[in-house]
N, C-alpha and C. Protein backbone atom coordinates (compact mmCIF):
# COMPACT_ATOMS: atom_id res chain seq x y z
N MET A 1 157.58 27.03 -22.32
CA MET A 1 156.57 27.58 -23.22
C MET A 1 156.64 26.86 -24.57
N VAL A 2 155.51 26.50 -25.09
CA VAL A 2 155.43 25.80 -26.37
C VAL A 2 155.49 26.84 -27.49
N THR A 3 156.31 26.58 -28.50
CA THR A 3 156.41 27.48 -29.65
C THR A 3 155.80 26.82 -30.87
N ILE A 4 155.69 27.60 -31.94
CA ILE A 4 155.06 27.11 -33.17
C ILE A 4 155.89 25.98 -33.79
N LYS A 5 157.20 25.92 -33.53
CA LYS A 5 158.07 24.89 -34.10
C LYS A 5 158.15 23.64 -33.22
N ASP A 6 157.58 23.67 -32.05
CA ASP A 6 157.65 22.55 -31.11
C ASP A 6 156.86 21.36 -31.67
N THR A 7 157.49 20.18 -31.68
CA THR A 7 156.84 18.99 -32.24
C THR A 7 155.68 18.50 -31.37
N THR A 8 155.69 18.85 -30.10
CA THR A 8 154.58 18.43 -29.23
C THR A 8 153.35 19.31 -29.42
N LEU A 9 153.53 20.45 -30.08
CA LEU A 9 152.41 21.38 -30.27
C LEU A 9 151.26 20.72 -31.01
N ILE A 10 151.55 20.06 -32.12
CA ILE A 10 150.49 19.49 -32.94
C ILE A 10 149.78 18.36 -32.20
N LYS A 11 150.53 17.58 -31.41
CA LYS A 11 149.91 16.51 -30.64
C LYS A 11 148.98 17.08 -29.58
N SER A 12 149.42 18.13 -28.92
CA SER A 12 148.58 18.78 -27.91
C SER A 12 147.34 19.39 -28.56
N PHE A 13 147.56 20.00 -29.72
CA PHE A 13 146.44 20.61 -30.46
C PHE A 13 145.44 19.53 -30.86
N ASN A 14 145.92 18.41 -31.40
CA ASN A 14 145.05 17.29 -31.79
C ASN A 14 144.23 16.79 -30.61
N ALA A 15 144.83 16.82 -29.43
CA ALA A 15 144.16 16.33 -28.22
C ALA A 15 143.17 17.34 -27.65
N GLY A 16 143.11 18.53 -28.25
CA GLY A 16 142.15 19.53 -27.80
C GLY A 16 142.67 20.46 -26.73
N ASP A 17 143.98 20.60 -26.64
CA ASP A 17 144.59 21.49 -25.64
C ASP A 17 144.39 22.95 -26.07
N PRO A 18 143.63 23.73 -25.27
CA PRO A 18 143.38 25.13 -25.63
C PRO A 18 144.66 25.97 -25.68
N MET A 19 145.66 25.63 -24.89
CA MET A 19 146.91 26.40 -24.92
C MET A 19 147.65 26.18 -26.24
N ALA A 20 147.60 24.98 -26.77
CA ALA A 20 148.21 24.71 -28.07
C ALA A 20 147.48 25.51 -29.15
N PHE A 21 146.15 25.54 -29.06
CA PHE A 21 145.37 26.34 -30.01
C PHE A 21 145.76 27.81 -29.89
N LYS A 22 145.93 28.29 -28.67
CA LYS A 22 146.30 29.70 -28.45
C LYS A 22 147.64 30.02 -29.10
N VAL A 23 148.60 29.11 -29.00
CA VAL A 23 149.91 29.32 -29.63
C VAL A 23 149.73 29.47 -31.15
N ILE A 24 148.95 28.57 -31.73
CA ILE A 24 148.69 28.63 -33.18
C ILE A 24 147.95 29.91 -33.53
N PHE A 25 146.92 30.22 -32.76
CA PHE A 25 146.12 31.43 -33.00
C PHE A 25 147.01 32.67 -32.93
N ASP A 26 147.78 32.78 -31.85
CA ASP A 26 148.64 33.96 -31.66
C ASP A 26 149.67 34.09 -32.78
N HIS A 27 150.16 32.97 -33.26
CA HIS A 27 151.17 33.01 -34.33
C HIS A 27 150.56 33.43 -35.68
N TYR A 28 149.39 32.92 -35.99
CA TYR A 28 148.83 33.10 -37.34
C TYR A 28 147.78 34.20 -37.47
N TYR A 29 147.18 34.66 -36.40
CA TYR A 29 146.03 35.57 -36.51
C TYR A 29 146.36 36.84 -37.31
N LYS A 30 147.38 37.58 -36.89
CA LYS A 30 147.72 38.83 -37.59
C LYS A 30 148.20 38.56 -39.02
N ILE A 31 148.94 37.48 -39.18
CA ILE A 31 149.44 37.12 -40.51
C ILE A 31 148.26 36.85 -41.45
N LEU A 32 147.26 36.09 -40.96
CA LEU A 32 146.09 35.78 -41.79
C LEU A 32 145.26 37.03 -42.07
N CYS A 33 145.14 37.91 -41.08
CA CYS A 33 144.40 39.16 -41.30
C CYS A 33 145.07 39.98 -42.40
N SER A 34 146.38 40.11 -42.32
CA SER A 34 147.12 40.86 -43.33
C SER A 34 146.98 40.21 -44.71
N TYR A 35 147.12 38.90 -44.75
CA TYR A 35 146.98 38.15 -46.00
C TYR A 35 145.58 38.35 -46.59
N SER A 36 144.56 38.24 -45.75
CA SER A 36 143.17 38.37 -46.21
C SER A 36 142.87 39.79 -46.66
N TYR A 37 143.51 40.76 -46.01
CA TYR A 37 143.27 42.16 -46.36
C TYR A 37 143.72 42.47 -47.79
N HIS A 38 144.67 41.69 -48.31
CA HIS A 38 145.09 41.89 -49.70
C HIS A 38 143.97 41.52 -50.68
N PHE A 39 143.08 40.63 -50.27
CA PHE A 39 141.96 40.22 -51.12
C PHE A 39 140.77 41.14 -50.95
N ILE A 40 140.43 41.43 -49.72
CA ILE A 40 139.28 42.29 -49.43
C ILE A 40 139.72 43.38 -48.47
N ARG A 41 139.40 44.58 -48.77
CA ARG A 41 139.89 45.73 -48.01
C ARG A 41 138.89 46.21 -46.96
N THR A 42 138.17 45.27 -46.37
CA THR A 42 137.19 45.61 -45.35
C THR A 42 137.60 44.96 -44.04
N PRO A 43 138.15 45.75 -43.09
CA PRO A 43 138.63 45.16 -41.83
C PRO A 43 137.57 44.34 -41.10
N TYR A 44 136.34 44.81 -41.10
CA TYR A 44 135.25 44.10 -40.42
C TYR A 44 135.08 42.70 -41.02
N ALA A 45 135.07 42.61 -42.34
CA ALA A 45 134.90 41.32 -43.01
C ALA A 45 136.12 40.43 -42.82
N VAL A 46 137.31 41.02 -42.89
CA VAL A 46 138.54 40.25 -42.69
C VAL A 46 138.54 39.61 -41.31
N ASP A 47 138.20 40.39 -40.29
CA ASP A 47 138.17 39.88 -38.92
C ASP A 47 137.20 38.71 -38.80
N ASP A 48 136.01 38.85 -39.36
CA ASP A 48 135.01 37.78 -39.31
C ASP A 48 135.51 36.53 -40.04
N ILE A 49 136.09 36.72 -41.20
CA ILE A 49 136.58 35.59 -42.00
C ILE A 49 137.67 34.83 -41.24
N VAL A 50 138.62 35.56 -40.69
CA VAL A 50 139.73 34.91 -39.98
C VAL A 50 139.23 34.18 -38.73
N GLN A 51 138.31 34.79 -38.01
CA GLN A 51 137.75 34.12 -36.84
C GLN A 51 137.03 32.83 -37.24
N ASP A 52 136.26 32.88 -38.33
CA ASP A 52 135.57 31.68 -38.81
C ASP A 52 136.56 30.58 -39.20
N ILE A 53 137.69 30.97 -39.77
CA ILE A 53 138.71 30.00 -40.17
C ILE A 53 139.28 29.30 -38.94
N PHE A 54 139.51 30.06 -37.88
CA PHE A 54 140.04 29.44 -36.66
C PHE A 54 139.01 28.52 -36.00
N VAL A 55 137.74 28.86 -36.11
CA VAL A 55 136.70 27.96 -35.60
C VAL A 55 136.73 26.65 -36.40
N ALA A 56 136.84 26.77 -37.72
CA ALA A 56 136.91 25.57 -38.56
C ALA A 56 138.16 24.76 -38.25
N LEU A 57 139.27 25.43 -38.01
CA LEU A 57 140.50 24.73 -37.64
C LEU A 57 140.31 23.94 -36.36
N TRP A 58 139.72 24.58 -35.36
CA TRP A 58 139.49 23.89 -34.08
C TRP A 58 138.59 22.68 -34.27
N ASN A 59 137.55 22.83 -35.07
CA ASN A 59 136.62 21.73 -35.30
C ASN A 59 137.26 20.56 -36.04
N ARG A 60 138.35 20.81 -36.76
CA ARG A 60 139.03 19.76 -37.53
C ARG A 60 140.40 19.42 -36.95
N ARG A 61 140.65 19.77 -35.73
CA ARG A 61 141.99 19.67 -35.14
C ARG A 61 142.59 18.27 -35.19
N GLU A 62 141.77 17.21 -35.15
CA GLU A 62 142.31 15.85 -35.15
C GLU A 62 142.91 15.45 -36.49
N LYS A 63 142.63 16.20 -37.55
CA LYS A 63 143.03 15.80 -38.89
C LYS A 63 144.43 16.26 -39.29
N PHE A 64 145.10 17.01 -38.43
CA PHE A 64 146.40 17.57 -38.80
C PHE A 64 147.53 16.81 -38.10
N ASP A 65 148.53 16.39 -38.89
CA ASP A 65 149.64 15.66 -38.28
C ASP A 65 150.94 16.47 -38.23
N CYS A 66 150.93 17.67 -38.80
CA CYS A 66 152.11 18.54 -38.69
C CYS A 66 151.66 20.00 -38.83
N ILE A 67 152.48 20.89 -38.33
CA ILE A 67 152.14 22.32 -38.33
C ILE A 67 152.06 22.87 -39.75
N GLU A 68 152.81 22.30 -40.68
CA GLU A 68 152.77 22.76 -42.07
C GLU A 68 151.38 22.56 -42.66
N LYS A 69 150.72 21.45 -42.30
CA LYS A 69 149.36 21.21 -42.80
C LYS A 69 148.37 22.19 -42.18
N VAL A 70 148.60 22.55 -40.93
CA VAL A 70 147.76 23.57 -40.28
C VAL A 70 147.92 24.88 -41.03
N SER A 71 149.16 25.24 -41.29
CA SER A 71 149.46 26.48 -42.00
C SER A 71 148.81 26.49 -43.39
N SER A 72 148.96 25.41 -44.11
CA SER A 72 148.34 25.31 -45.45
C SER A 72 146.83 25.45 -45.35
N PHE A 73 146.23 24.75 -44.40
CA PHE A 73 144.78 24.84 -44.20
C PHE A 73 144.36 26.29 -43.96
N LEU A 74 145.08 26.98 -43.08
CA LEU A 74 144.71 28.35 -42.73
C LEU A 74 144.78 29.27 -43.95
N PHE A 75 145.87 29.20 -44.70
CA PHE A 75 146.04 30.11 -45.83
C PHE A 75 145.11 29.77 -47.00
N VAL A 76 144.92 28.50 -47.27
CA VAL A 76 143.98 28.11 -48.34
C VAL A 76 142.56 28.50 -47.95
N SER A 77 142.21 28.28 -46.69
CA SER A 77 140.87 28.65 -46.22
C SER A 77 140.67 30.16 -46.29
N ALA A 78 141.70 30.91 -45.92
CA ALA A 78 141.61 32.37 -45.97
C ALA A 78 141.40 32.84 -47.41
N ARG A 79 142.22 32.31 -48.32
CA ARG A 79 142.08 32.70 -49.72
C ARG A 79 140.69 32.37 -50.25
N ASN A 80 140.23 31.15 -50.00
CA ASN A 80 138.91 30.73 -50.50
C ASN A 80 137.79 31.56 -49.88
N ALA A 81 137.88 31.81 -48.58
CA ALA A 81 136.84 32.60 -47.92
C ALA A 81 136.81 34.03 -48.46
N CYS A 82 137.99 34.59 -48.70
CA CYS A 82 138.05 35.95 -49.26
C CYS A 82 137.49 35.99 -50.68
N LEU A 83 137.84 34.99 -51.47
CA LEU A 83 137.31 34.94 -52.84
C LEU A 83 135.79 34.77 -52.82
N ASN A 84 135.29 33.92 -51.92
CA ASN A 84 133.84 33.75 -51.79
C ASN A 84 133.18 35.05 -51.34
N HIS A 85 133.82 35.74 -50.41
CA HIS A 85 133.28 37.02 -49.94
C HIS A 85 133.22 38.02 -51.10
N SER A 86 134.31 38.10 -51.87
CA SER A 86 134.35 39.02 -53.01
C SER A 86 133.28 38.67 -54.03
N LYS A 87 133.13 37.38 -54.29
CA LYS A 87 132.11 36.93 -55.24
C LYS A 87 130.71 37.31 -54.73
N HIS A 88 130.49 37.11 -53.44
CA HIS A 88 129.20 37.47 -52.83
C HIS A 88 128.95 38.98 -52.94
N GLU A 89 129.98 39.77 -52.69
CA GLU A 89 129.85 41.23 -52.80
C GLU A 89 129.57 41.65 -54.24
N GLN A 90 130.22 40.99 -55.20
CA GLN A 90 129.97 41.28 -56.61
C GLN A 90 128.54 40.93 -56.99
N MET A 91 128.05 39.79 -56.46
CA MET A 91 126.67 39.40 -56.74
C MET A 91 125.70 40.41 -56.14
N LYS A 92 125.99 40.88 -54.93
CA LYS A 92 125.14 41.90 -54.31
C LYS A 92 125.14 43.17 -55.15
N ALA A 93 126.31 43.57 -55.64
CA ALA A 93 126.41 44.77 -56.47
C ALA A 93 125.64 44.59 -57.78
N ALA A 94 125.74 43.39 -58.37
CA ALA A 94 125.01 43.12 -59.61
C ALA A 94 123.50 43.15 -59.37
N LYS A 95 123.07 42.58 -58.24
CA LYS A 95 121.64 42.62 -57.91
C LYS A 95 121.18 44.05 -57.67
N LEU A 96 122.02 44.83 -57.01
CA LEU A 96 121.68 46.23 -56.78
C LEU A 96 121.55 46.97 -58.11
N LYS A 97 122.49 46.72 -59.01
CA LYS A 97 122.46 47.36 -60.33
C LYS A 97 121.18 46.97 -61.08
N GLU A 98 120.84 45.69 -61.02
CA GLU A 98 119.62 45.21 -61.66
C GLU A 98 118.39 45.84 -61.02
N PHE A 99 118.41 45.91 -59.71
CA PHE A 99 117.29 46.51 -58.97
C PHE A 99 117.12 47.97 -59.36
N VAL A 100 118.22 48.68 -59.42
CA VAL A 100 118.17 50.11 -59.76
C VAL A 100 117.63 50.30 -61.17
N ALA A 101 118.04 49.43 -62.08
CA ALA A 101 117.59 49.54 -63.46
C ALA A 101 116.08 49.33 -63.58
N GLN A 102 115.50 48.55 -62.67
CA GLN A 102 114.08 48.23 -62.74
C GLN A 102 113.22 49.16 -61.88
N THR A 103 113.83 50.07 -61.20
CA THR A 103 113.10 50.89 -60.23
C THR A 103 112.99 52.32 -60.72
N ASP A 104 111.85 52.94 -60.44
CA ASP A 104 111.71 54.33 -60.87
C ASP A 104 112.59 55.24 -60.01
N GLU A 105 112.77 56.46 -60.44
CA GLU A 105 113.73 57.37 -59.83
C GLU A 105 113.43 57.68 -58.37
N ALA A 106 112.19 57.82 -58.00
CA ALA A 106 111.85 58.15 -56.61
C ALA A 106 112.27 57.03 -55.66
N VAL A 107 111.98 55.80 -56.05
CA VAL A 107 112.35 54.66 -55.22
C VAL A 107 113.88 54.54 -55.18
N TYR A 108 114.51 54.81 -56.30
CA TYR A 108 115.97 54.78 -56.36
C TYR A 108 116.57 55.79 -55.38
N ASP A 109 116.01 57.00 -55.37
CA ASP A 109 116.50 58.03 -54.45
C ASP A 109 116.35 57.57 -53.00
N ASP A 110 115.21 56.97 -52.68
CA ASP A 110 115.01 56.45 -51.33
C ASP A 110 116.04 55.36 -51.00
N TYR A 111 116.30 54.51 -51.98
CA TYR A 111 117.26 53.44 -51.76
C TYR A 111 118.67 54.00 -51.54
N ILE A 112 119.04 55.01 -52.31
CA ILE A 112 120.36 55.64 -52.16
C ILE A 112 120.49 56.26 -50.77
N ILE A 113 119.44 56.91 -50.32
CA ILE A 113 119.45 57.51 -48.98
C ILE A 113 119.64 56.42 -47.93
N MET A 114 118.92 55.32 -48.07
CA MET A 114 119.05 54.22 -47.11
C MET A 114 120.44 53.57 -47.20
N ALA A 115 120.98 53.47 -48.40
CA ALA A 115 122.32 52.90 -48.55
C ALA A 115 123.36 53.80 -47.88
N GLU A 116 123.21 55.11 -48.06
CA GLU A 116 124.12 56.05 -47.39
C GLU A 116 123.94 55.96 -45.88
N PHE A 117 122.71 55.83 -45.46
CA PHE A 117 122.40 55.67 -44.04
C PHE A 117 123.08 54.42 -43.49
N ASP A 118 122.92 53.29 -44.19
CA ASP A 118 123.55 52.03 -43.76
C ASP A 118 125.07 52.15 -43.73
N GLN A 119 125.63 52.83 -44.73
CA GLN A 119 127.08 53.00 -44.78
C GLN A 119 127.57 53.83 -43.59
N LYS A 120 126.87 54.90 -43.30
CA LYS A 120 127.24 55.75 -42.16
C LYS A 120 127.11 54.97 -40.85
N LEU A 121 126.01 54.25 -40.70
CA LEU A 121 125.79 53.47 -39.49
C LEU A 121 126.87 52.40 -39.34
N ASN A 122 127.21 51.72 -40.44
CA ASN A 122 128.27 50.71 -40.40
C ASN A 122 129.62 51.32 -40.02
N HIS A 123 129.88 52.54 -40.52
CA HIS A 123 131.12 53.24 -40.17
C HIS A 123 131.19 53.46 -38.66
N TRP A 124 130.09 53.90 -38.08
CA TRP A 124 130.07 54.12 -36.63
C TRP A 124 130.25 52.80 -35.89
N LEU A 125 129.54 51.78 -36.33
CA LEU A 125 129.59 50.49 -35.63
C LEU A 125 130.96 49.83 -35.74
N GLU A 126 131.69 50.09 -36.83
CA GLU A 126 133.02 49.49 -36.99
C GLU A 126 134.00 49.98 -35.94
N SER A 127 133.71 51.11 -35.31
CA SER A 127 134.62 51.63 -34.28
C SER A 127 134.41 50.94 -32.93
N LEU A 128 133.43 50.05 -32.85
CA LEU A 128 133.14 49.35 -31.60
C LEU A 128 133.92 48.05 -31.50
N PRO A 129 134.14 47.56 -30.28
CA PRO A 129 134.73 46.23 -30.12
C PRO A 129 133.80 45.18 -30.77
N THR A 130 134.37 44.07 -31.17
CA THR A 130 133.64 43.06 -31.93
C THR A 130 132.32 42.65 -31.28
N GLU A 131 132.34 42.33 -29.99
CA GLU A 131 131.14 41.85 -29.31
C GLU A 131 130.05 42.92 -29.28
N CYS A 132 130.43 44.16 -28.94
CA CYS A 132 129.45 45.27 -28.93
C CYS A 132 128.87 45.47 -30.32
N ARG A 133 129.76 45.46 -31.32
CA ARG A 133 129.33 45.70 -32.70
C ARG A 133 128.32 44.64 -33.14
N LYS A 134 128.63 43.36 -32.86
CA LYS A 134 127.71 42.29 -33.25
C LYS A 134 126.34 42.48 -32.61
N ILE A 135 126.35 42.77 -31.32
CA ILE A 135 125.09 42.88 -30.58
C ILE A 135 124.28 44.07 -31.05
N ILE A 136 124.91 45.23 -31.22
CA ILE A 136 124.17 46.40 -31.67
C ILE A 136 123.71 46.21 -33.11
N ASP A 137 124.54 45.59 -33.94
CA ASP A 137 124.16 45.31 -35.32
C ASP A 137 122.95 44.38 -35.38
N MET A 138 122.95 43.35 -34.54
CA MET A 138 121.81 42.43 -34.49
C MET A 138 120.56 43.16 -34.00
N SER A 139 120.75 44.05 -33.05
CA SER A 139 119.63 44.82 -32.51
C SER A 139 119.05 45.74 -33.58
N VAL A 140 119.94 46.42 -34.32
CA VAL A 140 119.50 47.31 -35.40
C VAL A 140 118.79 46.51 -36.48
N SER A 141 119.17 45.24 -36.64
CA SER A 141 118.53 44.37 -37.63
C SER A 141 117.14 43.93 -37.19
N GLY A 142 116.76 44.30 -35.96
CA GLY A 142 115.41 44.00 -35.50
C GLY A 142 115.31 42.89 -34.48
N MET A 143 116.43 42.33 -34.07
CA MET A 143 116.38 41.24 -33.09
C MET A 143 116.21 41.81 -31.68
N LYS A 144 115.46 41.09 -30.87
CA LYS A 144 115.25 41.47 -29.48
C LYS A 144 116.39 40.92 -28.62
N ASN A 145 116.54 41.46 -27.42
CA ASN A 145 117.64 41.06 -26.54
C ASN A 145 117.69 39.56 -26.31
N ASP A 146 116.53 38.94 -26.06
CA ASP A 146 116.52 37.50 -25.80
C ASP A 146 116.91 36.70 -27.05
N GLU A 147 116.53 37.19 -28.22
CA GLU A 147 116.91 36.52 -29.47
C GLU A 147 118.43 36.62 -29.70
N ILE A 148 118.97 37.79 -29.41
CA ILE A 148 120.42 37.99 -29.55
C ILE A 148 121.17 37.08 -28.58
N ALA A 149 120.69 37.05 -27.33
CA ALA A 149 121.33 36.22 -26.31
C ALA A 149 121.34 34.75 -26.74
N LYS A 150 120.22 34.29 -27.26
CA LYS A 150 120.12 32.89 -27.69
C LYS A 150 121.05 32.64 -28.89
N ALA A 151 121.07 33.56 -29.85
CA ALA A 151 121.89 33.39 -31.04
C ALA A 151 123.39 33.36 -30.71
N LEU A 152 123.80 34.16 -29.72
CA LEU A 152 125.22 34.24 -29.37
C LEU A 152 125.59 33.37 -28.17
N ASN A 153 124.57 32.69 -27.62
CA ASN A 153 124.78 31.81 -26.47
C ASN A 153 125.37 32.58 -25.28
N ILE A 154 124.76 33.73 -24.99
CA ILE A 154 125.16 34.55 -23.84
C ILE A 154 123.90 34.95 -23.09
N SER A 155 124.06 35.55 -21.93
CA SER A 155 122.89 35.94 -21.14
C SER A 155 122.29 37.24 -21.68
N VAL A 156 121.02 37.46 -21.35
CA VAL A 156 120.33 38.69 -21.75
C VAL A 156 121.02 39.88 -21.09
N ASN A 157 121.47 39.72 -19.85
CA ASN A 157 122.18 40.81 -19.16
C ASN A 157 123.46 41.18 -19.89
N THR A 158 124.17 40.19 -20.42
CA THR A 158 125.38 40.47 -21.18
C THR A 158 125.03 41.27 -22.43
N VAL A 159 123.93 40.92 -23.08
CA VAL A 159 123.48 41.68 -24.25
C VAL A 159 123.22 43.13 -23.86
N LYS A 160 122.48 43.33 -22.78
CA LYS A 160 122.17 44.69 -22.33
C LYS A 160 123.44 45.45 -21.97
N ASN A 161 124.34 44.80 -21.25
CA ASN A 161 125.59 45.46 -20.85
C ASN A 161 126.44 45.83 -22.07
N GLN A 162 126.50 44.95 -23.06
CA GLN A 162 127.27 45.24 -24.27
C GLN A 162 126.66 46.40 -25.05
N LYS A 163 125.33 46.48 -25.06
CA LYS A 163 124.67 47.61 -25.73
C LYS A 163 125.03 48.92 -25.03
N VAL A 164 124.93 48.92 -23.71
CA VAL A 164 125.26 50.13 -22.94
C VAL A 164 126.72 50.51 -23.19
N LYS A 165 127.61 49.52 -23.14
CA LYS A 165 129.03 49.76 -23.40
C LYS A 165 129.23 50.35 -24.80
N GLY A 166 128.56 49.77 -25.78
CA GLY A 166 128.68 50.25 -27.16
C GLY A 166 128.20 51.68 -27.31
N PHE A 167 127.07 52.01 -26.72
CA PHE A 167 126.56 53.37 -26.82
C PHE A 167 127.47 54.36 -26.09
N LYS A 168 128.06 53.95 -24.99
CA LYS A 168 129.01 54.82 -24.29
C LYS A 168 130.22 55.10 -25.17
N ILE A 169 130.72 54.06 -25.81
CA ILE A 169 131.88 54.23 -26.70
C ILE A 169 131.53 55.16 -27.85
N LEU A 170 130.36 54.95 -28.46
CA LEU A 170 129.93 55.83 -29.55
C LEU A 170 129.81 57.27 -29.08
N LYS A 171 129.28 57.44 -27.88
CA LYS A 171 129.10 58.79 -27.34
C LYS A 171 130.46 59.46 -27.13
N GLU A 172 131.45 58.69 -26.64
CA GLU A 172 132.78 59.25 -26.42
C GLU A 172 133.49 59.56 -27.74
N LEU A 173 133.39 58.65 -28.70
CA LEU A 173 134.10 58.82 -29.97
C LEU A 173 133.47 59.88 -30.87
N TYR A 174 132.15 59.96 -30.83
CA TYR A 174 131.43 60.83 -31.76
C TYR A 174 130.54 61.80 -31.00
N LYS A 175 131.15 62.57 -30.11
CA LYS A 175 130.38 63.49 -29.26
C LYS A 175 129.45 64.38 -30.08
N ASP A 176 129.99 64.97 -31.14
CA ASP A 176 129.21 65.92 -31.94
C ASP A 176 128.13 65.24 -32.77
N GLU A 177 128.31 63.96 -33.07
CA GLU A 177 127.36 63.24 -33.92
C GLU A 177 126.48 62.27 -33.14
N TYR A 178 126.60 62.24 -31.83
CA TYR A 178 125.92 61.20 -31.04
C TYR A 178 124.41 61.23 -31.21
N LEU A 179 123.81 62.40 -31.20
CA LEU A 179 122.35 62.47 -31.40
C LEU A 179 121.97 61.98 -32.79
N THR A 180 122.81 62.28 -33.76
CA THR A 180 122.57 61.78 -35.12
C THR A 180 122.64 60.26 -35.15
N ILE A 181 123.62 59.69 -34.44
CA ILE A 181 123.75 58.23 -34.37
C ILE A 181 122.49 57.63 -33.77
N LEU A 182 122.03 58.18 -32.65
CA LEU A 182 120.81 57.67 -32.02
C LEU A 182 119.62 57.78 -32.96
N PHE A 183 119.54 58.89 -33.68
CA PHE A 183 118.45 59.08 -34.64
C PHE A 183 118.53 58.01 -35.73
N TYR A 184 119.73 57.77 -36.26
CA TYR A 184 119.91 56.76 -37.30
C TYR A 184 119.50 55.38 -36.80
N ILE A 185 119.91 55.05 -35.58
CA ILE A 185 119.55 53.75 -35.02
C ILE A 185 118.04 53.66 -34.82
N PHE A 186 117.42 54.74 -34.35
CA PHE A 186 115.97 54.77 -34.19
C PHE A 186 115.27 54.55 -35.53
N ILE A 187 115.74 55.24 -36.56
CA ILE A 187 115.17 55.08 -37.90
C ILE A 187 115.36 53.63 -38.38
N ALA A 188 116.55 53.08 -38.15
CA ALA A 188 116.81 51.69 -38.58
C ALA A 188 115.86 50.73 -37.90
N LEU A 189 115.61 50.94 -36.63
CA LEU A 189 114.70 50.05 -35.90
C LEU A 189 113.26 50.19 -36.38
N SER A 190 112.87 51.39 -36.78
CA SER A 190 111.49 51.59 -37.20
C SER A 190 111.26 51.14 -38.64
N VAL A 191 112.32 51.09 -39.45
CA VAL A 191 112.19 50.67 -40.85
C VAL A 191 112.18 49.16 -40.98
N LYS A 192 112.94 48.47 -40.15
CA LYS A 192 113.12 47.01 -40.29
C LYS A 192 111.90 46.25 -39.84
């Protein structure tokens, strides 16, 4: 078994060996998630950021000549991505503040209701596995099954199956709120 300290690991990784990538991924994934969580306290965002970093690592695999450089790349990328995410969230908050200042009270109340609605819906969706969450989130955003399938490079049947799986999970986890969840999703689809 190849370990993170094995000198052949980086050569195998450079050559595109998926098992070498798996060793690196398994070693660093939780560490990077924990590290990133210190910057941003949103598990959903942390997971996305860390996954994107590993995609970037794979795409640049030929450029690393030792595991220390891989490690540096991962941690610097995580820090930068988290800082960019925080900056983006601050910009969104500033735009929201500006928007609220320019909007009359009735529109503001509607916006607050929708923001609470989005927050509640996001809370429910965060309890789903990553693939289900992405697909249902894209669906709630107004995308059709074929558009989702094309965007994620999967079959339309996989999209449908993941939706069914996601709704089953929501029904099991939130038995008392399930009709409310369906209502929220229906409202989201009709508003978008």
